[in-house]
Structure formats: structure tokens, C-alpha cells
Amino acid sequence: MSRPLDEWKVLPHDDLVRVTDDILTVTGEISMPLMALKRRMTIVRLKGSRLAIFSAIALDEDEMRRIEDFGKPTFLIVPNDHHRLDSKIWKDRYPALRVLAPPAACEAVEELVAVDASAVDFGDPDVAFVIVDGTGGGEAALEVRGADGLTLVLNDIVANIRDEHGIGGWLLRRMGFAGEEPHVPGPVKRAMVEDKAAVRAQLLRWAQEPRLKRIIVSHGENTGSSPVGVTSEINDLAGIFRSPRQTSPIHPQ
């Protein structure tokens, strides 16, 4: 894994993409042995033009100006202890940022930057900071409700890496990070999932959301071709944690 950054360093990244009126995302790369791993930052605009930065990435100055035109960086969300690489340099650039991290990640995050809270009310009823059940307090997510429905901003609990090629792609598949559909990576299940039943229940609660529209993930392609498709994908993910006596989740017709 790359070392946390001490100064503003721009690694390869794409341009910002507008997902909804109040959500931007951008993908970048970090160097890993034999591969470059793609990662995503998601920016959610709250009421009052305040911004929540989820899994921060340092961007070039043109793209940083686009972020600042979009709103005021207010919250820096470090969604788990593996996504802290750019946290210090973002806090250095925007000292007024409030840093949020899930409880089990705070000790590691605080090696780089002080954590202000592990729970928060954004002052916006449409955006919620969530600790994913069953992860031992180690994984955060966002629920963002907008005019077109519910967007889930997830981190490592779901990956959707499909198009990696060469040695790097082979390694990602062998390690369980890449596949043909959204999935819970094997290393994440082993390292992060402490209560399979609780993770399954969390996924099923999301699947039952009537206005579920899309999932934004930190690694891989976002989903959201249709609400029915997204619901089916989450039901399939929940099935990973089903005990032998439990019936399969119900898929929408």
C-alpha cells in the first residue's frame, strides 16, 4: 500500500464527474506492486453549499478549483483505516475541515490527523453518515437522498472492479478484489466483517429502500442502470452472508 502523503502530491487521476446536482466523483490511481489500483473520491454537497469529502484524493489545481466552486469543503470523511492516504494534506489545505472516521479506524487515522467525531448530524436531513453494521465499527458509508432517489456511497465493503487486465488484473482477481459483478472482496470479508448476519441485515435494509437508485463505490465502477437492478445486486451481496438454513433474498420482478 502507498505511504500516506505529507505534502500535496497529485497522483494520476481523471476529471471530476457530476453524478447528480449535489454529487461529484473522481477516480485516481495509487501505485501497488505490479499494478496501479484505481480509487474514487466522492463529494456530496450539503445544505448551505457545504461539502462532505468521502475518501479524499489530491487533485490538480484546475479540478480543486472546480470543487471549491461547487461548495465549501467542510467535512473530511476517512471511511476506514486504509483510506487515510490523503487525509493530512487535505486537512493542511483546509484547516477548518471536521474530520470524521468510524470508531475502529480512529487510532490509525489519528496517526496522521486528529479525528473530530465518529458520528455526526450534517444539518441536512437528506444526508446521513452511517457505520456499516457487522464491521466492528470499522467501515463508514453515506446515504444521500435526492430528487432522483437514494444514492449509497460505499467504501471497501463492496467492490465492482471488472475491467482490470494484465498482471495487475490477474492479481486483483486472484486476491478477490476483481470479478464479473459487484461483490464483497474476500480480503475485506476476512479483515473487516466481524458479524456476517449483521452485514447481511444491513445490505437487506438497503435493498428494501423503495427509492434506491445507485451505489457509488471506492474501487470499481458505480452501479445504477435501474432501481430494480441495484436492488438485485444488493440482494445478491447479502446472499454471500446467508447461513445454510436461510432462504435466498427476494429479487424484484
C-alpha atoms as a PDB file:
ATOM      1  CA  MET A   1       0.000   0.000   0.000  1.00  0.00           C
ATOM      2  CA  SER A   2       1.214   3.519  -0.744  1.00  0.00           C
ATOM      3  CA  ARG A   3       2.548   5.599   2.124  1.00  0.00           C
ATOM      4  CA  PRO A   4       0.360   8.428   3.497  1.00  0.00           C
ATOM      5  CA  LEU A   5       1.233  11.765   1.919  1.00  0.00           C
ATOM      6  CA  ASP A   6       2.947  14.518   3.922  1.00  0.00           C
ATOM      7  CA  GLU A   7       2.587  17.221   1.267  1.00  0.00           C
ATOM      8  CA  TRP A   8       0.223  17.950  -1.603  1.00  0.00           C
ATOM      9  CA  LYS A   9       1.139  15.446  -4.295  1.00  0.00           C
ATOM     10  CA  VAL A  10      -1.088  14.877  -7.289  1.00  0.00           C
ATOM     11  CA  LEU A  11      -1.126  11.282  -8.494  1.00  0.00           C
ATOM     12  CA  PRO A  12      -2.715  10.301 -11.833  1.00  0.00           C
ATOM     13  CA  HIS A  13      -6.451  10.994 -11.868  1.00  0.00           C
ATOM     14  CA  ASP A  14      -9.354  11.580 -14.227  1.00  0.00           C
ATOM     15  CA  ASP A  15     -11.619  14.639 -14.387  1.00  0.00           C
ATOM     16  CA  LEU A  16     -14.416  15.197 -11.915  1.00  0.00           C
ATOM     17  CA  VAL A  17     -17.745  13.686 -12.985  1.00  0.00           C
ATOM     18  CA  ARG A  18     -21.118  15.070 -11.929  1.00  0.00           C
ATOM     19  CA  VAL A  19     -23.365  12.214 -10.797  1.00  0.00           C
ATOM     20  CA  THR A  20     -26.288  14.347  -9.594  1.00  0.00           C
ATOM     21  CA  ASP A  21     -26.798  18.031  -8.901  1.00  0.00           C
ATOM     22  CA  ASP A  22     -25.176  17.503  -5.495  1.00  0.00           C
ATOM     23  CA  ILE A  23     -22.670  14.670  -6.046  1.00  0.00           C
ATOM     24  CA  LEU A  24     -19.289  14.721  -7.786  1.00  0.00           C
ATOM     25  CA  THR A  25     -16.850  11.823  -8.103  1.00  0.00           C
ATOM     26  CA  VAL A  26     -13.359  11.381  -9.476  1.00  0.00           C
ATOM     27  CA  THR A  27     -11.143   8.338  -9.939  1.00  0.00           C
ATOM     28  CA  GLY A  28      -7.403   8.296  -9.393  1.00  0.00           C
ATOM     29  CA  GLU A  29      -4.608   5.759  -9.125  1.00  0.00           C
ATOM     30  CA  ILE A  30      -2.213   4.639  -6.427  1.00  0.00           C
ATOM     31  CA  SER A  31       0.847   2.511  -7.114  1.00  0.00           C
ATOM     32  CA  MET A  32       0.808  -1.048  -5.829  1.00  0.00           C
ATOM     33  CA  PRO A  33       3.303  -3.842  -6.507  1.00  0.00           C
ATOM     34  CA  LEU A  34       2.872  -4.843 -10.173  1.00  0.00           C
ATOM     35  CA  MET A  35      -0.221  -2.674 -10.630  1.00  0.00           C
ATOM     36  CA  ALA A  36      -1.911   0.694 -10.321  1.00  0.00           C
ATOM     37  CA  LEU A  37      -5.055   0.453  -8.198  1.00  0.00           C
ATOM     38  CA  LYS A  38      -7.945   2.737  -9.098  1.00  0.00           C
ATOM     39  CA  ARG A  39      -9.688   4.555  -6.261  1.00  0.00           C
ATOM     40  CA  ARG A  40     -12.566   7.028  -6.088  1.00  0.00           C
ATOM     41  CA  MET A  41     -13.277  10.194  -4.128  1.00  0.00           C
ATOM     42  CA  THR A  42     -16.907  11.229  -3.740  1.00  0.00           C
ATOM     43  CA  ILE A  43     -18.014  14.769  -2.902  1.00  0.00           C
ATOM     44  CA  VAL A  44     -21.517  15.410  -1.564  1.00  0.00           C
ATOM     45  CA  ARG A  45     -22.935  18.925  -1.356  1.00  0.00           C
ATOM     46  CA  LEU A  46     -24.947  19.519   1.795  1.00  0.00           C
ATOM     47  CA  LYS A  47     -27.402  22.293   2.565  1.00  0.00           C
ATOM     48  CA  GLY A  48     -25.658  25.650   2.728  1.00  0.00           C
ATOM     49  CA  SER A  49     -23.224  24.662  -0.059  1.00  0.00           C
ATOM     50  CA  ARG A  50     -21.081  22.754   2.455  1.00  0.00           C
ATOM     51  CA  LEU A  51     -19.152  19.769   1.118  1.00  0.00           C
ATOM     52  CA  ALA A  52     -18.559  16.322   2.587  1.00  0.00           C
ATOM     53  CA  ILE A  53     -15.396  14.802   1.087  1.00  0.00           C
ATOM     54  CA  PHE A  54     -15.508  10.990   1.181  1.00  0.00           C
ATOM     55  CA  SER A  55     -12.161   9.180   0.733  1.00  0.00           C
ATOM     56  CA  ALA A  56     -10.090  12.216  -0.249  1.00  0.00           C
ATOM     57  CA  ILE A  57      -7.737  12.382  -3.234  1.00  0.00           C
ATOM     58  CA  ALA A  58      -5.387  15.268  -4.041  1.00  0.00           C
ATOM     59  CA  LEU A  59      -6.286  16.711  -7.455  1.00  0.00           C
ATOM     60  CA  ASP A  60      -4.590  19.192  -9.753  1.00  0.00           C
ATOM     61  CA  GLU A  61      -5.369  22.869  -9.258  1.00  0.00           C
ATOM     62  CA  ASP A  62      -7.960  23.121 -12.035  1.00  0.00           C
ATOM     63  CA  GLU A  63     -10.008  20.306 -10.510  1.00  0.00           C
ATOM     64  CA  MET A  64      -9.544  21.657  -6.988  1.00  0.00           C
ATOM     65  CA  ARG A  65     -10.991  24.972  -8.168  1.00  0.00           C
ATOM     66  CA  ARG A  66     -13.987  23.082  -9.548  1.00  0.00           C
ATOM     67  CA  ILE A  67     -14.514  21.577  -6.104  1.00  0.00           C
ATOM     68  CA  GLU A  68     -14.284  24.997  -4.459  1.00  0.00           C
ATOM     69  CA  ASP A  69     -16.755  26.412  -6.995  1.00  0.00           C
ATOM     70  CA  PHE A  70     -19.087  23.532  -6.109  1.00  0.00           C
ATOM     71  CA  GLY A  71     -19.083  24.411  -2.398  1.00  0.00           C
ATOM     72  CA  LYS A  72     -17.036  24.827   0.751  1.00  0.00           C
ATOM     73  CA  PRO A  73     -15.069  21.762   1.966  1.00  0.00           C
ATOM     74  CA  THR A  74     -16.465  21.253   5.463  1.00  0.00           C
ATOM     75  CA  PHE A  75     -16.260  17.556   6.389  1.00  0.00           C
ATOM     76  CA  LEU A  76     -13.437  15.131   5.597  1.00  0.00           C
ATOM     77  CA  ILE A  77     -14.631  11.531   5.834  1.00  0.00           C
ATOM     78  CA  VAL A  78     -11.972   8.833   6.222  1.00  0.00           C
ATOM     79  CA  PRO A  79     -14.189   5.767   5.666  1.00  0.00           C
ATOM     80  CA  ASN A  80     -11.761   3.211   7.084  1.00  0.00           C
ATOM     81  CA  ASP A  81      -8.144   2.936   8.155  1.00  0.00           C
ATOM     82  CA  HIS A  82      -6.972   2.039   4.628  1.00  0.00           C
ATOM     83  CA  HIS A  83      -8.325   5.253   3.081  1.00  0.00           C
ATOM     84  CA  ARG A  84      -6.299   7.789   5.020  1.00  0.00           C
ATOM     85  CA  LEU A  85      -3.505   8.422   2.481  1.00  0.00           C
ATOM     86  CA  ASP A  86      -4.524  11.985   1.597  1.00  0.00           C
ATOM     87  CA  SER A  87      -6.176  12.930   4.886  1.00  0.00           C
ATOM     88  CA  LYS A  88      -3.311  15.005   6.309  1.00  0.00           C
ATOM     89  CA  ILE A  89      -2.734  17.039   3.167  1.00  0.00           C
ATOM     90  CA  TRP A  90      -6.442  17.823   2.825  1.00  0.00           C
ATOM     91  CA  LYS A  91      -6.573  18.957   6.445  1.00  0.00           C
ATOM     92  CA  ASP A  92      -3.436  21.045   5.874  1.00  0.00           C
ATOM     93  CA  ARG A  93      -5.034  22.679   2.844  1.00  0.00           C
ATOM     94  CA  TYR A  94      -8.383  23.259   4.571  1.00  0.00           C
ATOM     95  CA  PRO A  95      -7.659  23.595   8.316  1.00  0.00           C
ATOM     96  CA  ALA A  96     -11.329  24.169   9.202  1.00  0.00           C
ATOM     97  CA  LEU A  97     -12.324  20.700   7.950  1.00  0.00           C
ATOM     98  CA  ARG A  98     -14.030  18.477  10.517  1.00  0.00           C
ATOM     99  CA  VAL A  99     -12.509  15.002  10.237  1.00  0.00           C
ATOM    100  CA  LEU A 100     -14.881  12.040  10.572  1.00  0.00           C
ATOM    101  CA  ALA A 101     -13.876   8.385  10.848  1.00  0.00           C
ATOM    102  CA  PRO A 102     -15.562   5.191  12.049  1.00  0.00           C
ATOM    103  CA  PRO A 103     -14.691   4.328  15.665  1.00  0.00           C
ATOM    104  CA  ALA A 104     -12.420   1.356  14.918  1.00  0.00           C
ATOM    105  CA  ALA A 105     -10.392   3.421  12.439  1.00  0.00           C
ATOM    106  CA  CYS A 106      -9.765   6.417  14.694  1.00  0.00           C
ATOM    107  CA  GLU A 107      -6.494   5.231  16.192  1.00  0.00           C
ATOM    108  CA  ALA A 108      -4.910   4.652  12.775  1.00  0.00           C
ATOM    109  CA  VAL A 109      -6.319   7.852  11.305  1.00  0.00           C
ATOM    110  CA  GLU A 110      -5.083   9.887  14.248  1.00  0.00           C
ATOM    111  CA  GLU A 111      -1.524   8.848  13.440  1.00  0.00           C
ATOM    112  CA  LEU A 112      -1.919  11.370  10.611  1.00  0.00           C
ATOM    113  CA  VAL A 113      -4.677  13.785  11.575  1.00  0.00           C
ATOM    114  CA  ALA A 114      -6.918  14.399  14.580  1.00  0.00           C
ATOM    115  CA  VAL A 115     -10.409  12.915  14.301  1.00  0.00           C
ATOM    116  CA  ASP A 116     -13.220  15.227  15.383  1.00  0.00           C
ATOM    117  CA  ALA A 117     -16.044  12.684  15.554  1.00  0.00           C
ATOM    118  CA  SER A 118     -17.235   9.170  14.743  1.00  0.00           C
ATOM    119  CA  ALA A 119     -20.865  10.267  14.484  1.00  0.00           C
ATOM    120  CA  VAL A 120     -22.325  13.447  13.060  1.00  0.00           C
ATOM    121  CA  ASP A 121     -25.501  15.264  12.177  1.00  0.00           C
ATOM    122  CA  PHE A 122     -24.725  17.119   8.960  1.00  0.00           C
ATOM    123  CA  GLY A 123     -27.601  19.523   9.489  1.00  0.00           C
ATOM    124  CA  ASP A 124     -29.100  18.131   6.290  1.00  0.00           C
ATOM    125  CA  PRO A 125     -31.926  15.599   6.600  1.00  0.00           C
ATOM    126  CA  ASP A 126     -31.107  14.154   3.176  1.00  0.00           C
ATOM    127  CA  VAL A 127     -27.549  13.025   4.010  1.00  0.00           C
ATOM    128  CA  ALA A 128     -26.611  10.514   6.723  1.00  0.00           C
ATOM    129  CA  PHE A 129     -23.223   9.292   7.966  1.00  0.00           C
ATOM    130  CA  VAL A 130     -23.535   5.543   8.599  1.00  0.00           C
ATOM    131  CA  ILE A 131     -21.313   2.963  10.294  1.00  0.00           C
ATOM    132  CA  VAL A 132     -21.861  -0.278   8.389  1.00  0.00           C
ATOM    133  CA  ASP A 133     -23.306  -2.897  10.723  1.00  0.00           C
ATOM    134  CA  GLY A 134     -21.217  -6.003  11.268  1.00  0.00           C
ATOM    135  CA  THR A 135     -17.861  -4.357  10.533  1.00  0.00           C
ATOM    136  CA  GLY A 136     -16.847  -3.828  14.138  1.00  0.00           C
ATOM    137  CA  GLY A 137     -17.176  -0.085  13.750  1.00  0.00           C
ATOM    138  CA  GLY A 138     -14.537  -0.070  11.028  1.00  0.00           C
ATOM    139  CA  GLU A 139     -16.374   0.967   7.862  1.00  0.00           C
ATOM    140  CA  ALA A 140     -18.328   4.143   7.111  1.00  0.00           C
ATOM    141  CA  ALA A 141     -20.808   4.924   4.340  1.00  0.00           C
ATOM    142  CA  LEU A 142     -23.117   7.742   3.279  1.00  0.00           C
ATOM    143  CA  GLU A 143     -26.809   7.663   2.442  1.00  0.00           C
ATOM    144  CA  VAL A 144     -27.710  10.551   0.148  1.00  0.00           C
ATOM    145  CA  ARG A 145     -31.347  11.202  -0.726  1.00  0.00           C
ATOM    146  CA  GLY A 146     -32.018  13.384  -3.740  1.00  0.00           C
ATOM    147  CA  ALA A 147     -34.700  14.183  -6.268  1.00  0.00           C
ATOM    148  CA  ASP A 148     -33.954  11.023  -8.263  1.00  0.00           C
ATOM    149  CA  GLY A 149     -33.714   8.639  -5.306  1.00  0.00           C
ATOM    150  CA  LEU A 150     -31.262   7.214  -2.785  1.00  0.00           C
ATOM    151  CA  THR A 151     -27.542   7.081  -3.531  1.00  0.00           C
ATOM    152  CA  LEU A 152     -25.369   4.825  -1.372  1.00  0.00           C
ATOM    153  CA  VAL A 153     -21.743   5.912  -1.098  1.00  0.00           C
ATOM    154  CA  LEU A 154     -19.897   2.773  -0.003  1.00  0.00           C
ATOM    155  CA  ASN A 155     -16.216   2.147   0.550  1.00  0.00           C
ATOM    156  CA  ASP A 156     -14.484  -1.251   0.738  1.00  0.00           C
ATOM    157  CA  ILE A 157     -17.481  -3.338   1.795  1.00  0.00           C
ATOM    158  CA  VAL A 158     -18.485  -3.534  -1.885  1.00  0.00           C
ATOM    159  CA  ALA A 159     -16.133  -3.537  -4.877  1.00  0.00           C
ATOM    160  CA  ASN A 160     -17.027  -3.543  -8.562  1.00  0.00           C
ATOM    161  CA  ILE A 161     -13.669  -3.899 -10.340  1.00  0.00           C
ATOM    162  CA  ARG A 162     -14.339  -5.653 -13.632  1.00  0.00           C
ATOM    163  CA  ASP A 163     -12.085  -4.270 -16.362  1.00  0.00           C
ATOM    164  CA  GLU A 164      -8.568  -4.760 -14.987  1.00  0.00           C
ATOM    165  CA  HIS A 165      -6.204  -6.505 -17.394  1.00  0.00           C
ATOM    166  CA  GLY A 166      -2.667  -7.860 -17.483  1.00  0.00           C
ATOM    167  CA  ILE A 167      -0.714  -8.982 -14.454  1.00  0.00           C
ATOM    168  CA  GLY A 168      -2.417  -6.385 -12.253  1.00  0.00           C
ATOM    169  CA  GLY A 169      -5.880  -7.579 -13.226  1.00  0.00           C
ATOM    170  CA  TRP A 170      -4.892 -11.199 -12.712  1.00  0.00           C
ATOM    171  CA  LEU A 171      -3.590 -10.390  -9.234  1.00  0.00           C
ATOM    172  CA  LEU A 172      -6.724  -8.460  -8.295  1.00  0.00           C
ATOM    173  CA  ARG A 173      -8.869 -11.407  -9.344  1.00  0.00           C
ATOM    174  CA  ARG A 174      -6.673 -13.892  -7.529  1.00  0.00           C
ATOM    175  CA  MET A 175      -6.865 -11.789  -4.363  1.00  0.00           C
ATOM    176  CA  GLY A 176     -10.631 -11.491  -4.658  1.00  0.00           C
ATOM    177  CA  PHE A 177     -10.790  -7.741  -5.374  1.00  0.00           C
ATOM    178  CA  ALA A 178     -11.950  -8.007  -9.009  1.00  0.00           C
ATOM    179  CA  GLY A 179     -14.746 -10.043 -10.535  1.00  0.00           C
ATOM    180  CA  GLU A 180     -17.617 -10.059 -13.007  1.00  0.00           C
ATOM    181  CA  GLU A 181     -20.142  -8.319 -10.745  1.00  0.00           C
ATOM    182  CA  PRO A 182     -20.346  -6.220  -7.573  1.00  0.00           C
ATOM    183  CA  HIS A 183     -19.060  -8.290  -4.667  1.00  0.00           C
ATOM    184  CA  VAL A 184     -17.655  -8.200  -1.168  1.00  0.00           C
ATOM    185  CA  PRO A 185     -13.907  -8.808  -1.665  1.00  0.00           C
ATOM    186  CA  GLY A 186     -12.542 -11.864   0.111  1.00  0.00           C
ATOM    187  CA  PRO A 187      -9.811  -9.917   1.962  1.00  0.00           C
ATOM    188  CA  VAL A 188     -12.459  -7.442   3.188  1.00  0.00           C
ATOM    189  CA  LYS A 189     -14.642 -10.266   4.481  1.00  0.00           C
ATOM    190  CA  ARG A 190     -11.702 -11.740   6.361  1.00  0.00           C
ATOM    191  CA  ALA A 191     -10.301  -8.493   7.764  1.00  0.00           C
ATOM    192  CA  MET A 192     -13.373  -6.360   8.336  1.00  0.00           C
ATOM    193  CA  VAL A 193     -16.517  -8.452   8.690  1.00  0.00           C
ATOM    194  CA  GLU A 194     -16.986  -9.429  12.336  1.00  0.00           C
ATOM    195  CA  ASP A 195     -20.687 -10.307  12.216  1.00  0.00           C
ATOM    196  CA  LYS A 196     -21.880 -11.796   8.933  1.00  0.00           C
ATOM    197  CA  ALA A 197     -25.538 -11.750   9.965  1.00  0.00           C
ATOM    198  CA  ALA A 198     -25.355  -8.044  10.798  1.00  0.00           C
ATOM    199  CA  VAL A 199     -23.719  -7.212   7.451  1.00  0.00           C
ATOM    200  CA  ARG A 200     -26.384  -9.236   5.677  1.00  0.00           C
ATOM    201  CA  ALA A 201     -29.134  -7.387   7.558  1.00  0.00           C
ATOM    202  CA  GLN A 202     -27.566  -4.032   6.650  1.00  0.00           C
ATOM    203  CA  LEU A 203     -27.451  -4.952   2.950  1.00  0.00           C
ATOM    204  CA  LEU A 204     -31.039  -6.188   3.007  1.00  0.00           C
ATOM    205  CA  ARG A 205     -32.221  -2.951   4.664  1.00  0.00           C
ATOM    206  CA  TRP A 206     -30.637  -1.012   1.826  1.00  0.00           C
ATOM    207  CA  ALA A 207     -32.170  -3.368  -0.737  1.00  0.00           C
ATOM    208  CA  GLN A 208     -35.612  -2.668   0.732  1.00  0.00           C
ATOM    209  CA  GLU A 209     -35.259   1.100   0.298  1.00  0.00           C
ATOM    210  CA  PRO A 210     -38.074   1.952  -2.157  1.00  0.00           C
ATOM    211  CA  ARG A 211     -36.145   4.771  -3.871  1.00  0.00           C
ATOM    212  CA  LEU A 212     -32.732   3.125  -4.083  1.00  0.00           C
ATOM    213  CA  LYS A 213     -31.128   4.472  -7.256  1.00  0.00           C
ATOM    214  CA  ARG A 214     -27.383   3.830  -7.357  1.00  0.00           C
ATOM    215  CA  ILE A 215     -24.287   2.671  -5.488  1.00  0.00           C
ATOM    216  CA  ILE A 216     -21.032   4.614  -5.637  1.00  0.00           C
ATOM    217  CA  VAL A 217     -18.010   2.530  -4.630  1.00  0.00           C
ATOM    218  CA  SER A 218     -14.421   3.468  -3.842  1.00  0.00           C
ATOM    219  CA  HIS A 219     -12.977   0.752  -6.089  1.00  0.00           C
ATOM    220  CA  GLY A 220     -14.540  -0.094  -9.436  1.00  0.00           C
ATOM    221  CA  GLU A 221     -17.498   1.044 -11.483  1.00  0.00           C
ATOM    222  CA  ASN A 222     -20.579   2.610  -9.931  1.00  0.00           C
ATOM    223  CA  THR A 223     -23.915   0.857 -10.336  1.00  0.00           C
ATOM    224  CA  GLY A 224     -27.263   2.383 -11.172  1.00  0.00           C
ATOM    225  CA  SER A 225     -28.649   1.267 -14.503  1.00  0.00           C
ATOM    226  CA  SER A 226     -32.063   0.889 -12.872  1.00  0.00           C
ATOM    227  CA  PRO A 227     -33.520   0.771  -9.350  1.00  0.00           C
ATOM    228  CA  VAL A 228     -34.527  -2.875  -9.857  1.00  0.00           C
ATOM    229  CA  GLY A 229     -31.005  -3.749 -10.976  1.00  0.00           C
ATOM    230  CA  VAL A 230     -29.393  -2.088  -7.962  1.00  0.00           C
ATOM    231  CA  THR A 231     -31.801  -3.820  -5.582  1.00  0.00           C
ATOM    232  CA  SER A 232     -30.980  -7.183  -7.158  1.00  0.00           C
ATOM    233  CA  GLU A 233     -27.260  -6.525  -6.825  1.00  0.00           C
ATOM    234  CA  ILE A 234     -27.551  -5.764  -3.112  1.00  0.00           C
ATOM    235  CA  ASN A 235     -29.728  -8.826  -2.562  1.00  0.00           C
ATOM    236  CA  ASP A 236     -27.035 -10.908  -4.257  1.00  0.00           C
ATOM    237  CA  LEU A 237     -24.403  -9.370  -1.993  1.00  0.00           C
ATOM    238  CA  ALA A 238     -26.499 -10.164   1.064  1.00  0.00           C
ATOM    239  CA  GLY A 239     -26.697 -13.756  -0.127  1.00  0.00           C
ATOM    240  CA  ILE A 240     -22.957 -14.106   0.446  1.00  0.00           C
ATOM    241  CA  PHE A 241     -23.635 -13.972   4.188  1.00  0.00           C
ATOM    242  CA  ARG A 242     -26.655 -16.280   4.189  1.00  0.00           C
ATOM    243  CA  SER A 243     -26.444 -19.257   6.517  1.00  0.00           C
ATOM    244  CA  PRO A 244     -27.388 -22.666   5.039  1.00  0.00           C
ATOM    245  CA  ARG A 245     -30.820 -22.569   6.713  1.00  0.00           C
ATOM    246  CA  GLN A 246     -31.754 -19.126   5.458  1.00  0.00           C
ATOM    247  CA  THR A 247     -33.732 -18.719   2.271  1.00  0.00           C
ATOM    248  CA  SER A 248     -32.470 -16.652  -0.612  1.00  0.00           C
ATOM    249  CA  PRO A 249     -33.254 -12.936  -0.669  1.00  0.00           C
ATOM    250  CA  ILE A 250     -36.298 -11.983  -2.698  1.00  0.00           C
ATOM    251  CA  HIS A 251     -35.441 -10.402  -6.028  1.00  0.00           C
ATOM    252  CA  PRO A 252     -37.817  -7.871  -7.577  1.00  0.00           C
ATOM    253  CA  GLN A 253     -39.725  -8.980 -10.660  1.00  0.00           C
END
